[in-house]
Amino acid sequence: MSNISPLFLFSLFSLITTTTTVSAQSQTLSSDIAALQAFKSSIKPNTIPSYSCLASWNFTSDPCSAPRVTHFTCGVTCSAVSNTLRVTRLTLDPAAYSGTLSPLLSRLTQLTELDFADNSFFGPIPASLSSLRNLQTFNLRSNLFSGSVPPSISNLKSLQSLDFSHNLLSGSLPNTLNSLTNLRRIDLSFNKFTGLIPKLPQNLLELAIKANSLSGSLYKSSFDGLTRLEVVELSENSISGTLEAWFFLLPSLQQVDLANNSLTRVEIWKPATLNSDLVAVDLGFNKIEGYLPKNFSDYPRLSSLSLRYNWLRGPIPREFSRLKRLFLDGNFLNGKPPDGLFSGVTSVSGSLGDNCLQSCPVSSQLCLKSQKPTSICRQAYGGKPRSS
């Protein structure tokens, strides 16, 4: 021993201590392992391909131990929490897994991301998942989930992104959504939701509930305080009534798609400041009556406007010539279209066809679609009842 240097002994002791510490930290919390086992057992074995993430989940190994050469090669991410390894992310590959979600997933209390998109999971969304207080991303897009969204989803106070689009979910939207104060993005498109839009979370940036069965009007109380809202995608619903002036005055609004609804009127006020970020608006395929909302031209960054296939009449304001994309086809607009649309200076694309316009230059792509027959235009402006 006298020939062994003190430095060597110190290094050896440090190595043993470090190895022991790493070994102590390499064990996943038992409740996390039980949750993963319950989840995998709820999936139909014949829908777990040999090449998939779930096929590598072999519980003879610790789910969080490294290196992951043969077992738990993907789908699970872990982090050390209080000297214990915890599952913090579940992100499955799109392998057409089929099964229900085990309520025991709620034991993964350190989850920050749950992403099962593009598979074939079915059944209800377990209410127990609302206990995942650290969850920031919740993605069940493109599955076969049915039933309603649990109202207790309001417990997910850390949630920033929620995507339940392309499922079979139904019922009303939870009135508790507005309590998700950290939510930035919500996509519930392509489901079967009905009823009104409830009060929305105040920090929302993107709202997408396309292709559902939402009805009624858009109420200011639902959008109160949404100073950061940039994108609204509510097309292909049954939203009706008047789209009131407050809507386009939302201070951060950039893109709006309300096409294929049942709106009958649009109120547009001039923007409060010249800093409006509104870029694109689609209100096509509604039942909007009256004259073209001229105040759209006061939104300095607006470059794309669609009001196609409504019941609009009257002339096209010359100010619309500054837009880059303009779709007004399928209305009852009359008069001569502004020369600025055809000057070649701004290179406007879109369509003015199927209206009652005079002298729409056939040399312009804007006028390729022919105008309505004179008899229909006379009827529209002659005070006679319009057929549905």
Protein backbone atom coordinates (compact mmCIF):
# COMPACT_ATOMS: atom_id res chain seq x y z
CA MET A 1 0.00 0.00 0.00
CA SER A 2 2.93 2.28 0.64
CA ASN A 3 3.60 2.38 -3.12
CA ILE A 4 0.06 3.59 -3.91
CA SER A 5 -0.13 7.34 -4.13
CA PRO A 6 -2.75 9.27 -2.17
CA LEU A 7 -3.86 10.93 -5.44
CA PHE A 8 -4.68 7.50 -6.95
CA LEU A 9 -6.68 6.51 -3.86
CA PHE A 10 -8.61 9.78 -4.00
CA SER A 11 -9.37 9.27 -7.71
CA LEU A 12 -10.51 5.70 -7.09
CA PHE A 13 -12.79 6.79 -4.24
CA SER A 14 -14.27 9.54 -6.42
CA LEU A 15 -14.95 7.06 -9.25
CA ILE A 16 -16.68 4.61 -6.89
CA THR A 17 -18.77 7.41 -5.36
CA THR A 18 -19.79 8.75 -8.78
CA THR A 19 -20.66 5.28 -10.07
CA THR A 20 -22.78 4.61 -6.99
CA THR A 21 -24.61 7.94 -7.41
CA VAL A 22 -25.34 7.29 -11.11
CA SER A 23 -26.53 3.79 -10.30
CA ALA A 24 -28.83 5.13 -7.59
CA GLN A 25 -30.28 7.62 -10.06
CA SER A 26 -30.79 5.10 -12.87
CA GLN A 27 -34.01 3.67 -11.43
CA THR A 28 -37.29 5.04 -12.77
CA LEU A 29 -39.95 5.76 -10.17
CA SER A 30 -42.02 2.60 -9.77
CA SER A 31 -45.35 4.40 -10.31
CA ASP A 32 -44.04 5.74 -13.64
CA ILE A 33 -43.11 2.22 -14.73
CA ALA A 34 -46.54 0.92 -13.71
CA ALA A 35 -48.19 3.69 -15.74
CA LEU A 36 -46.15 2.80 -18.84
CA GLN A 37 -46.99 -0.89 -18.41
CA ALA A 38 -50.71 -0.14 -18.08
CA PHE A 39 -50.58 2.09 -21.14
CA LYS A 40 -48.87 -0.50 -23.34
CA SER A 41 -51.20 -3.28 -22.16
CA SER A 42 -54.22 -1.21 -23.23
CA ILE A 43 -53.00 -1.22 -26.85
CA LYS A 44 -53.97 -4.04 -29.17
CA PRO A 45 -50.82 -6.17 -29.63
CA ASN A 46 -51.49 -6.72 -33.34
CA THR A 47 -51.27 -2.95 -33.90
CA ILE A 48 -47.72 -2.68 -32.54
CA PRO A 49 -45.37 -3.09 -35.53
CA SER A 50 -42.00 -4.72 -34.88
CA TYR A 51 -40.18 -1.57 -36.00
CA SER A 52 -42.17 0.79 -33.75
CA CYS A 53 -41.29 2.60 -30.54
CA LEU A 54 -43.74 0.56 -28.48
CA ALA A 55 -42.24 -2.71 -29.75
CA SER A 56 -39.00 -1.73 -28.02
CA TRP A 57 -40.71 -1.21 -24.67
CA ASN A 58 -39.46 -4.25 -22.74
CA PHE A 59 -39.98 -3.95 -19.01
CA THR A 60 -37.14 -6.32 -18.17
CA SER A 61 -35.13 -3.14 -18.55
CA ASP A 62 -35.51 0.12 -16.71
CA PRO A 63 -37.39 2.58 -19.01
CA CYS A 64 -35.06 5.49 -18.25
CA SER A 65 -31.71 3.72 -18.01
CA ALA A 66 -29.05 4.42 -20.62
CA PRO A 67 -27.80 3.51 -23.11
CA ARG A 68 -31.02 2.52 -24.87
CA VAL A 69 -29.64 0.18 -27.46
CA THR A 70 -32.42 -2.43 -27.70
CA HIS A 71 -35.13 -1.44 -25.20
CA PHE A 72 -37.12 1.82 -24.92
CA THR A 73 -35.28 3.15 -27.94
CA CYS A 74 -37.88 5.86 -28.50
CA GLY A 75 -41.18 7.28 -27.26
CA VAL A 76 -40.00 7.98 -23.70
CA THR A 77 -37.93 10.89 -22.44
CA CYS A 78 -36.77 11.04 -18.82
CA SER A 79 -35.25 13.57 -16.48
CA ALA A 80 -33.85 13.41 -12.95
CA VAL A 81 -36.22 14.88 -10.39
CA SER A 82 -35.03 14.83 -6.75
CA ASN A 83 -32.46 12.10 -7.53
CA THR A 84 -35.14 9.92 -9.15
CA LEU A 85 -35.62 9.42 -12.88
CA ARG A 86 -39.09 10.47 -14.03
CA VAL A 87 -40.84 10.21 -17.38
CA THR A 88 -41.22 13.76 -18.70
CA ARG A 89 -42.27 13.20 -22.34
CA LEU A 90 -44.36 10.57 -24.15
CA THR A 91 -44.08 11.14 -27.91
CA LEU A 92 -45.18 8.14 -29.94
CA ASP A 93 -44.42 7.52 -33.59
CA PRO A 94 -47.35 7.44 -36.10
CA ALA A 95 -47.52 3.63 -36.33
CA ALA A 96 -51.33 3.17 -36.34
CA TYR A 97 -51.42 2.01 -32.72
CA SER A 98 -54.98 1.17 -31.68
CA GLY A 99 -56.36 1.06 -28.17
CA THR A 100 -57.77 3.18 -25.39
CA LEU A 101 -55.86 5.53 -23.13
CA SER A 102 -55.22 4.04 -19.71
CA PRO A 103 -56.34 6.37 -16.88
CA LEU A 104 -53.11 5.33 -15.11
CA LEU A 105 -51.21 7.69 -17.41
CA SER A 106 -52.21 10.26 -14.80
CA ARG A 107 -49.46 8.81 -12.57
CA LEU A 108 -46.84 10.35 -14.85
CA THR A 109 -47.04 13.54 -12.85
CA GLN A 110 -43.84 15.03 -14.32
CA LEU A 111 -45.04 14.84 -17.94
CA THR A 112 -44.51 18.05 -19.87
CA GLU A 113 -45.45 16.63 -23.29
CA LEU A 114 -47.95 13.96 -24.35
CA ASP A 115 -48.07 13.42 -28.11
CA PHE A 116 -49.94 10.46 -29.61
CA ALA A 117 -50.78 12.14 -32.94
CA ASP A 118 -51.54 10.25 -36.15
CA ASN A 119 -52.54 6.90 -34.70
CA SER A 120 -55.84 5.05 -34.14
CA PHE A 121 -56.52 5.48 -30.43
CA PHE A 122 -60.24 5.47 -29.62
CA GLY A 123 -62.71 5.92 -26.78
CA PRO A 124 -63.02 8.85 -24.38
CA ILE A 125 -60.23 11.09 -23.18
CA PRO A 126 -59.75 10.03 -19.53
CA ALA A 127 -60.68 12.80 -17.10
CA SER A 128 -57.83 11.60 -14.88
CA LEU A 129 -55.31 13.11 -17.33
CA SER A 130 -56.39 16.51 -16.02
CA SER A 131 -54.15 15.84 -13.01
CA LEU A 132 -51.00 16.23 -15.15
CA ARG A 133 -50.27 19.68 -13.75
CA ASN A 134 -46.90 20.02 -15.51
CA LEU A 135 -48.22 19.21 -18.98
CA GLN A 136 -47.34 21.89 -21.55
CA THR A 137 -48.10 20.09 -24.85
CA PHE A 138 -51.16 17.83 -25.25
CA ASN A 139 -51.45 16.43 -28.78
CA LEU A 140 -54.02 13.76 -29.74
CA ARG A 141 -54.40 14.93 -33.36
CA SER A 142 -55.69 12.48 -35.99
CA ASN A 143 -57.03 9.64 -33.89
CA LEU A 144 -60.52 8.26 -33.22
CA PHE A 145 -61.28 9.73 -29.81
CA SER A 146 -64.97 10.28 -29.07
CA GLY A 147 -67.14 11.80 -26.37
CA SER A 148 -66.70 15.24 -24.87
CA VAL A 149 -63.66 17.10 -23.64
CA PRO A 150 -63.54 16.70 -19.84
CA PRO A 151 -64.33 20.03 -18.11
CA SER A 152 -61.54 19.19 -15.66
CA ILE A 153 -59.09 19.98 -18.45
CA SER A 154 -59.05 23.40 -16.77
CA ASN A 155 -56.70 21.87 -14.19
CA LEU A 156 -53.86 21.77 -16.74
CA LYS A 157 -52.54 25.16 -15.67
CA SER A 158 -49.19 24.75 -17.43
CA LEU A 159 -50.71 23.85 -20.81
CA GLN A 160 -49.42 25.89 -23.75
CA SER A 161 -50.52 23.85 -26.79
CA LEU A 162 -53.69 21.75 -27.12
CA ASP A 163 -54.40 19.82 -30.33
CA PHE A 164 -57.38 17.44 -30.45
CA SER A 165 -58.07 18.03 -34.16
CA HIS A 166 -59.22 15.30 -36.57
CA ASN A 167 -61.07 13.12 -34.07
CA LEU A 168 -64.73 12.28 -33.34
CA LEU A 169 -65.17 14.50 -30.29
CA SER A 170 -68.60 16.01 -29.70
CA GLY A 171 -70.69 18.10 -27.32
CA SER A 172 -70.10 21.67 -26.22
CA LEU A 173 -66.72 23.24 -25.74
CA PRO A 174 -65.84 23.37 -22.02
CA ASN A 175 -66.79 26.64 -20.33
CA THR A 176 -63.63 26.23 -18.28
CA LEU A 177 -61.22 26.83 -21.19
CA ASN A 178 -60.58 30.42 -20.16
CA SER A 179 -58.84 29.26 -16.96
CA LEU A 180 -55.96 27.85 -19.07
CA THR A 181 -54.06 31.10 -18.76
CA ASN A 182 -50.83 29.76 -20.31
CA LEU A 183 -52.53 28.32 -23.39
CA ARG A 184 -51.10 29.80 -26.62
CA ARG A 185 -52.48 27.48 -29.29
CA ILE A 186 -55.68 25.44 -29.50
CA ASP A 187 -56.78 23.29 -32.44
CA LEU A 188 -60.08 21.40 -32.20
CA SER A 189 -60.75 21.32 -35.95
CA PHE A 190 -62.49 18.45 -37.74
CA ASN A 191 -64.59 17.14 -34.87
CA LYS A 192 -68.30 17.31 -34.04
CA PHE A 193 -68.44 20.11 -31.50
CA THR A 194 -71.68 22.06 -31.22
CA GLY A 195 -72.96 25.23 -29.57
CA LEU A 196 -71.31 28.55 -28.89
CA ILE A 197 -67.67 29.49 -28.43
CA PRO A 198 -67.07 29.99 -24.69
CA LYS A 199 -64.83 32.60 -23.10
CA LEU A 200 -61.32 31.98 -24.39
CA PRO A 201 -57.95 32.03 -22.58
CA GLN A 202 -56.54 35.55 -22.45
CA ASN A 203 -53.04 34.69 -23.75
CA LEU A 204 -54.22 32.74 -26.80
CA LEU A 205 -52.27 33.32 -30.02
CA GLU A 206 -53.97 30.82 -32.37
CA LEU A 207 -57.57 29.56 -32.34
CA ALA A 208 -58.60 26.81 -34.78
CA ILE A 209 -62.00 25.09 -34.56
CA LYS A 210 -62.59 24.49 -38.26
CA ALA A 211 -65.12 21.99 -39.65
CA ASN A 212 -67.35 21.40 -36.64
CA SER A 213 -71.00 22.31 -35.98
CA LEU A 214 -70.55 25.47 -33.93
CA SER A 215 -73.56 27.78 -34.12
CA GLY A 216 -74.82 31.15 -32.98
CA SER A 217 -72.98 34.45 -33.20
CA LEU A 218 -69.46 35.41 -32.19
CA TYR A 219 -69.82 37.31 -28.92
CA LYS A 220 -67.42 39.94 -27.67
CA SER A 221 -67.49 38.36 -24.20
CA SER A 222 -65.83 35.22 -25.65
CA PHE A 223 -62.89 37.25 -26.98
CA ASP A 224 -62.55 39.83 -24.21
CA GLY A 225 -58.97 40.55 -23.25
CA LEU A 226 -57.42 38.59 -26.14
CA THR A 227 -54.82 41.20 -26.94
CA ARG A 228 -52.36 38.62 -28.36
CA LEU A 229 -54.71 36.66 -30.64
CA GLU A 230 -53.20 36.45 -34.14
CA VAL A 231 -54.99 33.64 -36.00
CA VAL A 232 -58.70 32.72 -36.02
CA GLU A 233 -59.73 29.66 -38.07
CA LEU A 234 -63.48 29.00 -37.68
CA SER A 235 -64.47 28.06 -41.23
CA GLU A 236 -66.97 25.32 -42.07
CA ASN A 237 -69.29 25.75 -39.11
CA SER A 238 -72.78 27.23 -38.70
CA ILE A 239 -71.82 30.57 -37.16
CA SER A 240 -74.55 33.09 -37.93
CA GLY A 241 -75.71 36.66 -37.40
CA THR A 242 -73.56 39.77 -37.58
CA LEU A 243 -69.79 39.79 -37.36
CA GLU A 244 -69.54 42.95 -35.26
CA ALA A 245 -66.96 45.71 -35.56
CA TRP A 246 -65.07 44.83 -32.35
CA PHE A 247 -63.81 41.62 -33.94
CA PHE A 248 -61.42 43.16 -36.48
CA LEU A 249 -60.20 45.62 -33.85
CA LEU A 250 -58.56 42.84 -31.82
CA PRO A 251 -55.09 44.44 -31.61
CA SER A 252 -52.88 41.53 -32.77
CA LEU A 253 -55.19 39.94 -35.33
CA GLN A 254 -53.40 38.83 -38.52
CA GLN A 255 -55.37 36.04 -40.22
CA VAL A 256 -59.12 35.35 -40.16
CA ASP A 257 -60.96 32.48 -41.84
CA LEU A 258 -64.72 32.40 -41.33
CA ALA A 259 -65.60 30.99 -44.74
CA ASN A 260 -68.45 28.52 -45.16
CA ASN A 261 -70.64 29.72 -42.32
CA SER A 262 -74.02 31.49 -42.17
CA LEU A 263 -73.00 35.07 -41.41
CA THR A 264 -75.50 37.63 -42.73
CA ARG A 265 -73.76 40.94 -42.03
CA VAL A 266 -70.28 42.35 -41.41
CA GLU A 267 -69.48 45.55 -39.55
CA ILE A 268 -66.06 47.05 -40.22
CA TRP A 269 -64.68 50.08 -38.42
CA LYS A 270 -61.44 51.77 -39.28
CA PRO A 271 -58.53 50.40 -37.23
CA ALA A 272 -57.79 52.34 -34.07
CA THR A 273 -54.17 52.83 -35.17
CA LEU A 274 -52.15 52.46 -38.34
CA ASN A 275 -50.30 49.55 -36.75
CA SER A 276 -52.97 46.93 -37.48
CA ASP A 277 -51.34 43.61 -38.46
CA LEU A 278 -54.39 42.21 -40.29
CA VAL A 279 -53.06 40.49 -43.42
CA ALA A 280 -55.69 38.02 -44.69
CA VAL A 281 -59.48 37.71 -44.33
CA ASP A 282 -61.71 35.00 -45.78
CA LEU A 283 -65.47 35.48 -45.41
CA GLY A 284 -66.43 33.55 -48.53
CA PHE A 285 -69.46 31.29 -48.83
CA ASN A 286 -71.64 32.99 -46.22
CA LYS A 287 -74.92 34.89 -46.60
CA ILE A 288 -73.57 38.40 -46.15
CA GLU A 289 -75.82 41.12 -47.55
CA GLY A 290 -75.33 44.81 -48.22
CA TYR A 291 -72.48 46.73 -49.82
CA LEU A 292 -68.82 45.78 -49.78
CA PRO A 293 -67.27 46.86 -46.45
CA LYS A 294 -65.14 49.75 -47.70
CA ASN A 295 -63.30 50.15 -44.39
CA PHE A 296 -61.30 47.02 -45.11
CA SER A 297 -59.14 49.28 -47.25
CA ASP A 298 -58.04 51.18 -44.12
CA TYR A 299 -56.16 48.17 -42.77
CA PRO A 300 -52.64 48.99 -44.01
CA ARG A 301 -51.22 45.45 -44.18
CA LEU A 302 -54.30 43.69 -45.56
CA SER A 303 -53.23 41.96 -48.76
CA SER A 304 -55.76 39.13 -49.20
CA LEU A 305 -59.55 39.47 -49.02
CA SER A 306 -62.20 36.94 -49.97
CA LEU A 307 -65.92 37.71 -49.87
CA ARG A 308 -66.82 35.30 -52.64
CA TYR A 309 -70.27 33.74 -52.92
CA ASN A 310 -72.24 36.00 -50.64
CA TRP A 311 -75.19 38.30 -51.42
CA LEU A 312 -73.24 41.54 -51.74
CA ARG A 313 -74.24 44.29 -54.16
CA GLY A 314 -73.16 47.72 -55.31
CA PRO A 315 -69.82 48.85 -56.75
CA ILE A 316 -66.29 47.71 -55.91
CA PRO A 317 -64.48 50.48 -53.97
CA ARG A 318 -61.44 51.75 -55.87
CA GLU A 319 -59.38 51.41 -52.67
CA PHE A 320 -59.53 47.62 -53.10
CA SER A 321 -57.06 48.00 -55.98
CA ARG A 322 -54.14 47.96 -53.55
CA LEU A 323 -54.83 44.37 -52.45
CA LYS A 324 -52.73 41.53 -53.85
CA ARG A 325 -55.46 38.87 -53.72
CA LEU A 326 -59.13 39.76 -54.13
CA PHE A 327 -61.91 37.19 -54.49
CA LEU A 328 -65.35 38.75 -54.97
CA ASP A 329 -66.89 36.26 -57.39
CA GLY A 330 -70.38 34.88 -56.85
CA ASN A 331 -72.07 38.08 -55.62
CA PHE A 332 -74.31 40.73 -57.23
CA LEU A 333 -71.73 43.51 -57.54
CA ASN A 334 -72.42 46.04 -60.30
CA GLY A 335 -70.90 49.03 -62.03
CA LYS A 336 -67.49 49.19 -63.62
CA PRO A 337 -64.64 47.65 -61.63
CA PRO A 338 -61.87 50.10 -60.66
CA ASP A 339 -59.21 50.58 -63.32
CA GLY A 340 -56.52 50.08 -60.69
CA LEU A 341 -57.34 46.36 -60.56
CA PHE A 342 -56.13 46.01 -64.15
CA SER A 343 -53.34 48.57 -64.34
CA GLY A 344 -50.62 45.99 -63.88
CA VAL A 345 -48.98 48.14 -61.22
CA THR A 346 -50.17 46.06 -58.27
CA SER A 347 -50.64 42.68 -60.00
CA VAL A 348 -53.92 41.73 -58.30
CA SER A 349 -54.92 38.05 -58.45
CA GLY A 350 -58.31 36.53 -57.66
CA SER A 351 -61.72 36.65 -59.32
CA LEU A 352 -64.51 39.11 -60.03
CA GLY A 353 -66.64 36.69 -62.05
CA ASP A 354 -70.27 35.65 -61.55
CA ASN A 355 -71.38 39.17 -60.62
CA CYS A 356 -73.30 41.92 -62.42
CA LEU A 357 -70.29 44.00 -63.40
CA GLN A 358 -70.07 45.99 -66.63
CA SER A 359 -66.92 46.22 -68.71
CA CYS A 360 -64.89 43.67 -66.82
CA PRO A 361 -61.95 43.23 -69.24
CA VAL A 362 -61.95 39.71 -70.64
CA SER A 363 -58.18 40.05 -71.10
CA SER A 364 -57.73 40.03 -67.31
CA GLN A 365 -57.59 36.79 -65.35
CA LEU A 366 -59.80 38.51 -62.78
CA CYS A 367 -62.64 38.44 -65.32
CA LEU A 368 -62.15 34.95 -66.78
CA LYS A 369 -65.33 33.70 -65.11
CA SER A 370 -68.30 35.24 -66.91
CA GLN A 371 -70.83 37.57 -65.30
CA LYS A 372 -74.38 36.63 -64.32
CA PRO A 373 -77.09 36.78 -66.98
CA THR A 374 -78.71 40.20 -67.32
CA SER A 375 -82.09 38.80 -66.29
CA ILE A 376 -80.77 37.67 -62.90
CA CYS A 377 -79.06 41.00 -62.31
CA ARG A 378 -82.25 42.93 -63.14
CA GLN A 379 -84.16 40.79 -60.69
CA ALA A 380 -81.55 41.36 -57.98
CA TYR A 381 -81.79 45.13 -58.37
CA GLY A 382 -85.48 45.32 -59.21
CA GLY A 383 -86.82 44.75 -55.74
CA LYS A 384 -88.17 41.31 -56.55
CA PRO A 385 -87.84 38.50 -54.00
CA ARG A 386 -84.58 36.63 -54.32
CA SER A 387 -84.83 32.86 -54.53
CA SER A 388 -82.79 30.93 -51.96
